[in-house]
Amino acid sequence: MRTASKYDGIILDIDGTIWNTTGIVAVAWNKAIDDSKTGAKKINAQDLQREFGKTMDVIADDLWPNLSKSQKEILLSNCCTEEHVALKNNTLDITYPTVVETIKELSAASNFFVVSNCQDGYIQLMLEKTGLEDYVKDFECFGRTGKGKAENIQMLVQRNQLTSPVYVGDIQGDCDACRQAGVPFIWAAYGFGNVSDYVAKLEKFSDLIEAVEIGD
């Protein structure tokens, strides 16, 4: 039986924390780029690892600076459509080791949430593919609110009346958003980025058990 958690809410990032979709997404986005006939630069998994965690509009600006605003919006929308289809059809396990098992184990002691800078529909698809629908109480994203991660964290915290939440993410942008939102940050060091300030470091996701528990 799990001991009590020091946090009443564990808020999770997705990419670089729960799973790594970059290989699948790169193929899907390149299909949309080819179909667009815009001459936009094609991308690879490493490009996406550098970009994931930013809001969708910033990603488009970074990847395709030579396109007009409307071209970026159309292309990004088509990329997201192709991405959704590819992830929906994917049969490979792209979650990081022990993620699903650890969330299920800790759900007896603390509630789980998700906040991401992704498009609307991405979190729902992740929950469906991982079988975690019943273990995540609420979520928020840029695609639904048009707001950045810090504001969405604050919104979710207030909506769920959390008094001692923590956020788990993998990049400095996650850390910065937590500082702005006034929420402690746990670094998923196996993910995409390097982080300078955190209350705990996860070499693997199951390290979260020790990081959040009060102990005996």
C-alpha atoms as a PDB file:
ATOM      1  CA  MET A   1       0.000   0.000   0.000  1.00  0.00           C
ATOM      2  CA  ARG A   2       1.325   3.424  -0.932  1.00  0.00           C
ATOM      3  CA  THR A   3       2.230   5.942   1.724  1.00  0.00           C
ATOM      4  CA  ALA A   4       0.717   9.404   1.481  1.00  0.00           C
ATOM      5  CA  SER A   5       1.950  11.891  -1.121  1.00  0.00           C
ATOM      6  CA  LYS A   6       3.312  15.275  -0.135  1.00  0.00           C
ATOM      7  CA  TYR A   7       1.429  16.707  -3.163  1.00  0.00           C
ATOM      8  CA  ASP A   8      -2.327  16.756  -3.699  1.00  0.00           C
ATOM      9  CA  GLY A   9      -1.857  17.008  -7.455  1.00  0.00           C
ATOM     10  CA  ILE A  10       0.855  15.724  -9.810  1.00  0.00           C
ATOM     11  CA  ILE A  11       0.690  17.625 -13.113  1.00  0.00           C
ATOM     12  CA  LEU A  12       2.436  15.979 -16.050  1.00  0.00           C
ATOM     13  CA  ASP A  13       3.966  17.231 -19.252  1.00  0.00           C
ATOM     14  CA  ILE A  14       3.589  14.856 -22.232  1.00  0.00           C
ATOM     15  CA  ASP A  15       6.419  14.938 -24.778  1.00  0.00           C
ATOM     16  CA  GLY A  16       9.744  13.964 -23.238  1.00  0.00           C
ATOM     17  CA  THR A  17       7.970  13.030 -20.006  1.00  0.00           C
ATOM     18  CA  ILE A  18       5.224  10.482 -20.739  1.00  0.00           C
ATOM     19  CA  TRP A  19       6.238   9.424 -24.235  1.00  0.00           C
ATOM     20  CA  ASN A  20       8.417  10.188 -27.247  1.00  0.00           C
ATOM     21  CA  THR A  21       6.428  10.613 -30.462  1.00  0.00           C
ATOM     22  CA  THR A  22       9.052  12.545 -32.429  1.00  0.00           C
ATOM     23  CA  GLY A  23       9.930   9.793 -34.906  1.00  0.00           C
ATOM     24  CA  ILE A  24       6.300   9.136 -35.796  1.00  0.00           C
ATOM     25  CA  VAL A  25       5.389  12.818 -35.844  1.00  0.00           C
ATOM     26  CA  ALA A  26       8.304  13.767 -38.090  1.00  0.00           C
ATOM     27  CA  VAL A  27       7.097  11.339 -40.775  1.00  0.00           C
ATOM     28  CA  ALA A  28       3.532  12.638 -40.465  1.00  0.00           C
ATOM     29  CA  TRP A  29       4.546  16.293 -40.615  1.00  0.00           C
ATOM     30  CA  ASN A  30       6.754  15.688 -43.647  1.00  0.00           C
ATOM     31  CA  LYS A  31       3.782  14.178 -45.445  1.00  0.00           C
ATOM     32  CA  ALA A  32       1.819  17.369 -44.752  1.00  0.00           C
ATOM     33  CA  ILE A  33       4.795  19.478 -45.869  1.00  0.00           C
ATOM     34  CA  ASP A  34       5.034  17.547 -49.143  1.00  0.00           C
ATOM     35  CA  ASP A  35       1.299  17.880 -49.724  1.00  0.00           C
ATOM     36  CA  SER A  36       1.401  21.635 -49.020  1.00  0.00           C
ATOM     37  CA  LYS A  37       3.558  22.397 -52.093  1.00  0.00           C
ATOM     38  CA  THR A  38       4.898  25.425 -50.150  1.00  0.00           C
ATOM     39  CA  GLY A  39       8.533  24.403 -50.379  1.00  0.00           C
ATOM     40  CA  ALA A  40       8.678  24.457 -46.579  1.00  0.00           C
ATOM     41  CA  LYS A  41      11.701  22.806 -45.014  1.00  0.00           C
ATOM     42  CA  LYS A  42      11.142  19.199 -43.982  1.00  0.00           C
ATOM     43  CA  ILE A  43      11.955  18.191 -40.418  1.00  0.00           C
ATOM     44  CA  ASN A  44      13.323  15.264 -38.431  1.00  0.00           C
ATOM     45  CA  ALA A  45      12.893  13.848 -34.944  1.00  0.00           C
ATOM     46  CA  GLN A  46      15.778  15.920 -33.571  1.00  0.00           C
ATOM     47  CA  ASP A  47      14.141  19.128 -34.831  1.00  0.00           C
ATOM     48  CA  LEU A  48      10.972  18.202 -32.987  1.00  0.00           C
ATOM     49  CA  GLN A  49      12.816  17.365 -29.785  1.00  0.00           C
ATOM     50  CA  ARG A  50      14.172  20.911 -29.803  1.00  0.00           C
ATOM     51  CA  GLU A  51      10.727  22.386 -30.486  1.00  0.00           C
ATOM     52  CA  PHE A  52       8.344  20.240 -28.450  1.00  0.00           C
ATOM     53  CA  GLY A  53       7.330  22.041 -25.282  1.00  0.00           C
ATOM     54  CA  LYS A  54       6.898  25.380 -27.041  1.00  0.00           C
ATOM     55  CA  THR A  55       3.459  26.658 -28.016  1.00  0.00           C
ATOM     56  CA  MET A  56       2.301  25.613 -31.468  1.00  0.00           C
ATOM     57  CA  ASP A  57       2.579  29.082 -32.997  1.00  0.00           C
ATOM     58  CA  VAL A  58       6.191  29.432 -31.836  1.00  0.00           C
ATOM     59  CA  ILE A  59       7.036  26.013 -33.297  1.00  0.00           C
ATOM     60  CA  ALA A  60       5.675  27.105 -36.684  1.00  0.00           C
ATOM     61  CA  ASP A  61       7.687  30.356 -36.528  1.00  0.00           C
ATOM     62  CA  ASP A  62      10.866  28.432 -35.668  1.00  0.00           C
ATOM     63  CA  LEU A  63      10.498  25.751 -38.334  1.00  0.00           C
ATOM     64  CA  TRP A  64       9.201  27.828 -41.241  1.00  0.00           C
ATOM     65  CA  PRO A  65      10.327  31.458 -40.829  1.00  0.00           C
ATOM     66  CA  ASN A  66      10.017  32.134 -44.554  1.00  0.00           C
ATOM     67  CA  LEU A  67       6.307  31.302 -44.775  1.00  0.00           C
ATOM     68  CA  SER A  68       3.560  33.865 -44.297  1.00  0.00           C
ATOM     69  CA  LYS A  69       1.434  33.786 -41.147  1.00  0.00           C
ATOM     70  CA  SER A  70      -1.494  32.247 -43.023  1.00  0.00           C
ATOM     71  CA  GLN A  71       0.753  29.642 -44.689  1.00  0.00           C
ATOM     72  CA  LYS A  72       2.152  28.664 -41.279  1.00  0.00           C
ATOM     73  CA  GLU A  73      -1.315  28.343 -39.788  1.00  0.00           C
ATOM     74  CA  ILE A  74      -2.592  26.156 -42.638  1.00  0.00           C
ATOM     75  CA  LEU A  75       0.525  23.989 -42.717  1.00  0.00           C
ATOM     76  CA  LEU A  76       0.583  23.526 -38.951  1.00  0.00           C
ATOM     77  CA  SER A  77      -3.091  22.556 -38.956  1.00  0.00           C
ATOM     78  CA  ASN A  78      -2.436  19.979 -41.668  1.00  0.00           C
ATOM     79  CA  CYS A  79       0.615  18.699 -39.797  1.00  0.00           C
ATOM     80  CA  CYS A  80      -1.495  18.202 -36.683  1.00  0.00           C
ATOM     81  CA  THR A  81      -4.128  16.338 -38.691  1.00  0.00           C
ATOM     82  CA  GLU A  82      -1.544  13.967 -40.159  1.00  0.00           C
ATOM     83  CA  GLU A  83       0.061  13.588 -36.721  1.00  0.00           C
ATOM     84  CA  HIS A  84      -3.247  12.600 -35.129  1.00  0.00           C
ATOM     85  CA  VAL A  85      -3.862   9.936 -37.784  1.00  0.00           C
ATOM     86  CA  ALA A  86      -0.342   8.543 -37.453  1.00  0.00           C
ATOM     87  CA  LEU A  87      -0.478   8.356 -33.653  1.00  0.00           C
ATOM     88  CA  LYS A  88      -3.984   6.918 -33.724  1.00  0.00           C
ATOM     89  CA  ASN A  89      -2.771   4.130 -36.027  1.00  0.00           C
ATOM     90  CA  ASN A  90       0.501   3.537 -34.189  1.00  0.00           C
ATOM     91  CA  THR A  91       0.864   0.114 -32.587  1.00  0.00           C
ATOM     92  CA  LEU A  92       4.333   0.586 -31.077  1.00  0.00           C
ATOM     93  CA  ASP A  93       4.798   1.352 -27.375  1.00  0.00           C
ATOM     94  CA  ILE A  94       6.310   4.835 -27.367  1.00  0.00           C
ATOM     95  CA  THR A  95       5.800   5.553 -23.655  1.00  0.00           C
ATOM     96  CA  TYR A  96       8.897   5.785 -21.496  1.00  0.00           C
ATOM     97  CA  PRO A  97       9.516   2.729 -19.287  1.00  0.00           C
ATOM     98  CA  THR A  98       7.406   2.421 -16.098  1.00  0.00           C
ATOM     99  CA  VAL A  99       5.229   5.483 -16.861  1.00  0.00           C
ATOM    100  CA  VAL A 100       1.873   3.737 -16.980  1.00  0.00           C
ATOM    101  CA  GLU A 101       2.613   1.411 -14.079  1.00  0.00           C
ATOM    102  CA  THR A 102       3.886   4.242 -11.869  1.00  0.00           C
ATOM    103  CA  ILE A 103       0.883   6.472 -12.543  1.00  0.00           C
ATOM    104  CA  LYS A 104      -1.483   3.640 -11.711  1.00  0.00           C
ATOM    105  CA  GLU A 105       0.433   2.844  -8.526  1.00  0.00           C
ATOM    106  CA  LEU A 106       0.604   6.442  -7.315  1.00  0.00           C
ATOM    107  CA  SER A 107      -3.004   7.263  -8.226  1.00  0.00           C
ATOM    108  CA  ALA A 108      -4.073   5.765  -4.893  1.00  0.00           C
ATOM    109  CA  ALA A 109      -2.131   8.494  -3.077  1.00  0.00           C
ATOM    110  CA  SER A 110      -2.417  11.518  -5.386  1.00  0.00           C
ATOM    111  CA  ASN A 111      -4.447  12.827  -8.304  1.00  0.00           C
ATOM    112  CA  PHE A 112      -2.810  13.147 -11.726  1.00  0.00           C
ATOM    113  CA  PHE A 113      -3.332  15.965 -14.234  1.00  0.00           C
ATOM    114  CA  VAL A 114      -1.798  16.987 -17.579  1.00  0.00           C
ATOM    115  CA  VAL A 115      -0.835  20.447 -18.876  1.00  0.00           C
ATOM    116  CA  SER A 116       0.827  20.741 -22.275  1.00  0.00           C
ATOM    117  CA  ASN A 117       1.487  23.363 -24.948  1.00  0.00           C
ATOM    118  CA  CYS A 118       0.002  20.983 -27.530  1.00  0.00           C
ATOM    119  CA  GLN A 119      -2.979  21.272 -29.858  1.00  0.00           C
ATOM    120  CA  ASP A 120      -6.464  20.288 -28.670  1.00  0.00           C
ATOM    121  CA  GLY A 121      -7.038  16.572 -29.085  1.00  0.00           C
ATOM    122  CA  TYR A 122      -3.447  15.532 -28.410  1.00  0.00           C
ATOM    123  CA  ILE A 123      -3.897  14.947 -24.673  1.00  0.00           C
ATOM    124  CA  GLN A 124      -7.101  13.005 -25.280  1.00  0.00           C
ATOM    125  CA  LEU A 125      -5.308  10.811 -27.832  1.00  0.00           C
ATOM    126  CA  MET A 126      -2.386  10.208 -25.458  1.00  0.00           C
ATOM    127  CA  LEU A 127      -4.770   9.132 -22.695  1.00  0.00           C
ATOM    128  CA  GLU A 128      -6.574   6.789 -25.057  1.00  0.00           C
ATOM    129  CA  LYS A 129      -3.381   5.207 -26.431  1.00  0.00           C
ATOM    130  CA  THR A 130      -1.804   4.716 -23.001  1.00  0.00           C
ATOM    131  CA  GLY A 131      -4.995   3.574 -21.257  1.00  0.00           C
ATOM    132  CA  LEU A 132      -4.664   6.351 -18.680  1.00  0.00           C
ATOM    133  CA  GLU A 133      -8.090   7.961 -19.148  1.00  0.00           C
ATOM    134  CA  ASP A 134      -9.278   6.830 -15.702  1.00  0.00           C
ATOM    135  CA  TYR A 135      -6.103   8.002 -13.964  1.00  0.00           C
ATOM    136  CA  VAL A 136      -5.932  11.634 -15.143  1.00  0.00           C
ATOM    137  CA  LYS A 137      -8.521  13.832 -13.461  1.00  0.00           C
ATOM    138  CA  ASP A 138      -8.250  16.954 -15.621  1.00  0.00           C
ATOM    139  CA  PHE A 139      -6.048  18.533 -18.289  1.00  0.00           C
ATOM    140  CA  GLU A 140      -5.413  21.788 -20.103  1.00  0.00           C
ATOM    141  CA  CYS A 141      -3.494  22.852 -23.206  1.00  0.00           C
ATOM    142  CA  PHE A 142      -2.579  25.750 -25.471  1.00  0.00           C
ATOM    143  CA  GLY A 143      -4.902  24.429 -28.164  1.00  0.00           C
ATOM    144  CA  ARG A 144      -7.953  24.914 -25.940  1.00  0.00           C
ATOM    145  CA  THR A 145      -7.078  28.183 -24.207  1.00  0.00           C
ATOM    146  CA  GLY A 146      -4.562  29.951 -26.445  1.00  0.00           C
ATOM    147  CA  LYS A 147      -2.522  30.529 -23.281  1.00  0.00           C
ATOM    148  CA  GLY A 148       0.983  29.431 -22.338  1.00  0.00           C
ATOM    149  CA  LYS A 149       1.925  26.724 -19.899  1.00  0.00           C
ATOM    150  CA  ALA A 150       2.222  28.925 -16.796  1.00  0.00           C
ATOM    151  CA  GLU A 151      -1.290  30.315 -17.189  1.00  0.00           C
ATOM    152  CA  ASN A 152      -2.716  26.884 -17.967  1.00  0.00           C
ATOM    153  CA  ILE A 153      -1.058  25.402 -14.880  1.00  0.00           C
ATOM    154  CA  GLN A 154      -2.568  28.168 -12.754  1.00  0.00           C
ATOM    155  CA  MET A 155      -5.965  27.659 -14.372  1.00  0.00           C
ATOM    156  CA  LEU A 156      -5.924  23.915 -13.710  1.00  0.00           C
ATOM    157  CA  VAL A 157      -4.730  24.384 -10.122  1.00  0.00           C
ATOM    158  CA  GLN A 158      -7.533  26.840  -9.391  1.00  0.00           C
ATOM    159  CA  ARG A 159     -10.170  24.762 -11.154  1.00  0.00           C
ATOM    160  CA  ASN A 160      -9.296  21.693  -9.110  1.00  0.00           C
ATOM    161  CA  GLN A 161      -8.661  23.624  -5.866  1.00  0.00           C
ATOM    162  CA  LEU A 162      -5.193  22.160  -5.473  1.00  0.00           C
ATOM    163  CA  THR A 163      -3.191  23.448  -2.495  1.00  0.00           C
ATOM    164  CA  SER A 164       0.128  21.580  -2.971  1.00  0.00           C
ATOM    165  CA  PRO A 165       0.608  20.639  -6.632  1.00  0.00           C
ATOM    166  CA  VAL A 166       3.840  19.718  -8.392  1.00  0.00           C
ATOM    167  CA  TYR A 167       4.679  19.661 -12.105  1.00  0.00           C
ATOM    168  CA  VAL A 168       6.790  17.019 -13.862  1.00  0.00           C
ATOM    169  CA  GLY A 169       8.472  18.062 -17.109  1.00  0.00           C
ATOM    170  CA  ASP A 170      11.699  17.689 -19.046  1.00  0.00           C
ATOM    171  CA  ILE A 171      12.826  21.058 -20.433  1.00  0.00           C
ATOM    172  CA  GLN A 172      13.837  24.475 -19.130  1.00  0.00           C
ATOM    173  CA  GLY A 173      10.638  25.985 -20.517  1.00  0.00           C
ATOM    174  CA  ASP A 174       8.654  23.716 -18.194  1.00  0.00           C
ATOM    175  CA  CYS A 175      10.795  24.839 -15.269  1.00  0.00           C
ATOM    176  CA  ASP A 176      10.322  28.508 -16.186  1.00  0.00           C
ATOM    177  CA  ALA A 177       6.549  28.061 -16.469  1.00  0.00           C
ATOM    178  CA  CYS A 178       6.436  26.437 -13.037  1.00  0.00           C
ATOM    179  CA  ARG A 179       8.410  29.280 -11.506  1.00  0.00           C
ATOM    180  CA  GLN A 180       5.953  31.746 -13.049  1.00  0.00           C
ATOM    181  CA  ALA A 181       2.975  29.705 -11.860  1.00  0.00           C
ATOM    182  CA  GLY A 182       4.363  29.271  -8.344  1.00  0.00           C
ATOM    183  CA  VAL A 183       4.443  25.462  -8.577  1.00  0.00           C
ATOM    184  CA  PRO A 184       7.462  23.264  -7.691  1.00  0.00           C
ATOM    185  CA  PHE A 185       9.110  21.439 -10.582  1.00  0.00           C
ATOM    186  CA  ILE A 186      10.372  17.853 -10.888  1.00  0.00           C
ATOM    187  CA  TRP A 187      12.782  17.250 -13.769  1.00  0.00           C
ATOM    188  CA  ALA A 188      12.357  14.200 -16.006  1.00  0.00           C
ATOM    189  CA  ALA A 189      16.072  14.017 -16.840  1.00  0.00           C
ATOM    190  CA  TYR A 190      15.566  11.210 -19.372  1.00  0.00           C
ATOM    191  CA  GLY A 191      13.604  13.574 -21.631  1.00  0.00           C
ATOM    192  CA  PHE A 192      14.532  16.201 -24.228  1.00  0.00           C
ATOM    193  CA  GLY A 193      16.247  18.986 -22.295  1.00  0.00           C
ATOM    194  CA  ASN A 194      18.552  20.201 -19.555  1.00  0.00           C
ATOM    195  CA  VAL A 195      17.139  22.036 -16.547  1.00  0.00           C
ATOM    196  CA  SER A 196      18.870  24.214 -13.967  1.00  0.00           C
ATOM    197  CA  ASP A 197      16.468  24.226 -11.022  1.00  0.00           C
ATOM    198  CA  TYR A 198      14.231  21.469  -9.638  1.00  0.00           C
ATOM    199  CA  VAL A 199      13.019  19.929  -6.383  1.00  0.00           C
ATOM    200  CA  ALA A 200      13.683  16.371  -7.580  1.00  0.00           C
ATOM    201  CA  LYS A 201      15.305  14.662 -10.563  1.00  0.00           C
ATOM    202  CA  LEU A 202      13.967  11.551 -12.279  1.00  0.00           C
ATOM    203  CA  GLU A 203      16.468   9.317 -14.053  1.00  0.00           C
ATOM    204  CA  LYS A 204      13.499   7.096 -14.866  1.00  0.00           C
ATOM    205  CA  PHE A 205       9.798   7.792 -14.383  1.00  0.00           C
ATOM    206  CA  SER A 206       9.430   5.325 -11.512  1.00  0.00           C
ATOM    207  CA  ASP A 207      11.761   7.574  -9.460  1.00  0.00           C
ATOM    208  CA  LEU A 208       8.631   9.707  -9.068  1.00  0.00           C
ATOM    209  CA  ILE A 209       7.422   7.326  -6.350  1.00  0.00           C
ATOM    210  CA  GLU A 210      10.230   8.331  -4.023  1.00  0.00           C
ATOM    211  CA  ALA A 211      10.111  11.972  -5.132  1.00  0.00           C
ATOM    212  CA  VAL A 212       6.487  12.559  -4.129  1.00  0.00           C
ATOM    213  CA  GLU A 213       6.001  10.312  -1.108  1.00  0.00           C
ATOM    214  CA  ILE A 214       6.258  11.575   2.449  1.00  0.00           C
ATOM    215  CA  GLY A 215       7.734   8.258   3.518  1.00  0.00           C
ATOM    216  CA  ASP A 216       7.172   5.944   6.452  1.00  0.00           C
END
